[in-house]
């Protein structure tokens, strides 16, 4: 199992990016959450088997909103993400 935090920068707020991530996640065996940040970035935290997480992230990077992503930063998390399914957070 792998747990990652990913920050997306670019034109990623107000364009359905979080909804698209949640929709994409349904096709993979991953759990986690996504939220907008006050600085204009989107934060994703995801957990699953490494091959599933990588396939999910590849799908996001190559998906319909890929042109809106200018930068993607990834950090491995020591503590697993706690979430039921895959959700959009508003905190």
Protein backbone atom coordinates (compact mmCIF):
# COMPACT_ATOMS: atom_id res chain seq x y z
CA UNK A 1 0.00 0.00 0.00
CA UNK A 2 1.06 3.53 -0.77
CA UNK A 3 -0.34 6.81 0.50
CA UNK A 4 0.38 10.00 -1.46
CA UNK A 5 -0.34 13.70 -1.22
CA UNK A 6 -0.43 15.43 -4.60
CA UNK A 7 -0.71 19.16 -5.25
CA UNK A 8 -1.98 20.35 -8.63
CA UNK A 9 -1.20 23.88 -9.80
CA UNK A 10 -2.60 25.72 -12.79
CA UNK A 11 -6.16 26.57 -13.76
CA UNK A 12 -7.53 23.83 -11.51
CA UNK A 13 -10.24 25.62 -9.53
CA UNK A 14 -13.70 26.51 -10.81
CA UNK A 15 -13.46 24.11 -13.77
CA UNK A 16 -14.82 20.85 -12.34
CA UNK A 17 -11.37 19.51 -11.49
CA UNK A 18 -12.31 17.97 -8.13
CA UNK A 19 -15.45 16.42 -9.58
CA UNK A 20 -13.41 14.98 -12.45
CA UNK A 21 -10.87 13.50 -10.00
CA UNK A 22 -13.63 11.88 -7.96
CA UNK A 23 -15.24 10.49 -11.12
CA UNK A 24 -11.89 9.11 -12.36
CA UNK A 25 -11.18 7.52 -8.96
CA UNK A 26 -14.31 5.36 -9.29
CA UNK A 27 -12.51 3.36 -11.98
CA UNK A 28 -9.64 2.41 -9.65
CA UNK A 29 -9.25 0.57 -6.36
CA UNK A 30 -8.20 3.69 -4.42
CA UNK A 31 -9.60 5.73 -1.56
CA UNK A 32 -8.93 9.32 -0.59
CA UNK A 33 -10.08 12.86 -0.97
CA UNK A 34 -9.55 16.07 -2.91
CA UNK A 35 -10.01 19.73 -1.92
CA UNK A 36 -9.35 23.26 -3.11
CA UNK A 37 -6.70 25.27 -1.27
CA UNK A 38 -6.91 29.03 -0.62
CA UNK A 39 -3.76 29.63 -2.73
CA UNK A 40 -5.42 28.30 -5.90
CA UNK A 41 -3.97 24.78 -5.82
CA UNK A 42 -5.89 21.53 -5.47
CA UNK A 43 -4.74 18.95 -2.90
CA UNK A 44 -5.30 15.24 -3.44
CA UNK A 45 -4.61 12.52 -0.88
CA UNK A 46 -4.92 8.97 -2.13
CA UNK A 47 -4.17 5.47 -0.83
CA UNK A 48 -4.11 2.06 -2.49
CA UNK A 49 -1.83 -0.53 -4.00
CA UNK A 50 1.02 1.28 -5.73
CA UNK A 51 0.08 0.08 -9.23
CA UNK A 52 -3.54 1.28 -8.74
CA UNK A 53 -2.48 4.66 -7.37
CA UNK A 54 0.00 5.17 -10.23
CA UNK A 55 -2.60 4.15 -12.82
CA UNK A 56 -5.10 6.58 -11.26
CA UNK A 57 -2.58 9.45 -11.28
CA UNK A 58 -1.62 8.65 -14.89
CA UNK A 59 -5.30 8.74 -15.84
CA UNK A 60 -5.67 12.17 -14.22
CA UNK A 61 -2.52 13.47 -15.93
CA UNK A 62 -3.76 12.29 -19.33
CA UNK A 63 -7.47 13.00 -18.80
CA UNK A 64 -9.77 15.70 -20.11
CA UNK A 65 -8.43 18.39 -17.75
CA UNK A 66 -4.72 17.64 -18.25
CA UNK A 67 -4.19 20.92 -20.12
CA UNK A 68 -5.20 22.84 -17.00
CA UNK A 69 -2.42 21.30 -14.88
CA UNK A 70 0.78 23.32 -15.03
CA UNK A 71 2.59 21.58 -12.17
CA UNK A 72 2.12 18.44 -10.10
CA UNK A 73 4.00 17.91 -6.82
CA UNK A 74 3.90 14.55 -5.07
CA UNK A 75 4.79 13.61 -1.48
CA UNK A 76 4.70 10.16 0.11
CA UNK A 77 2.73 10.14 3.37
CA UNK A 78 3.88 8.13 6.37
CA UNK A 79 0.36 7.79 7.78
CA UNK A 80 -2.28 6.28 5.49
CA UNK A 81 -5.03 8.55 4.24
CA UNK A 82 -8.28 7.92 6.09
CA UNK A 83 -11.34 8.13 3.89
CA UNK A 84 -14.38 6.11 2.95
CA UNK A 85 -14.39 5.79 -0.79
CA UNK A 86 -13.26 8.92 -2.57
CA UNK A 87 -14.70 12.26 -1.54
CA UNK A 88 -14.54 15.96 -2.18
CA UNK A 89 -13.70 17.89 0.98
CA UNK A 90 -14.75 21.44 1.59
CA UNK A 91 -12.57 22.24 4.63
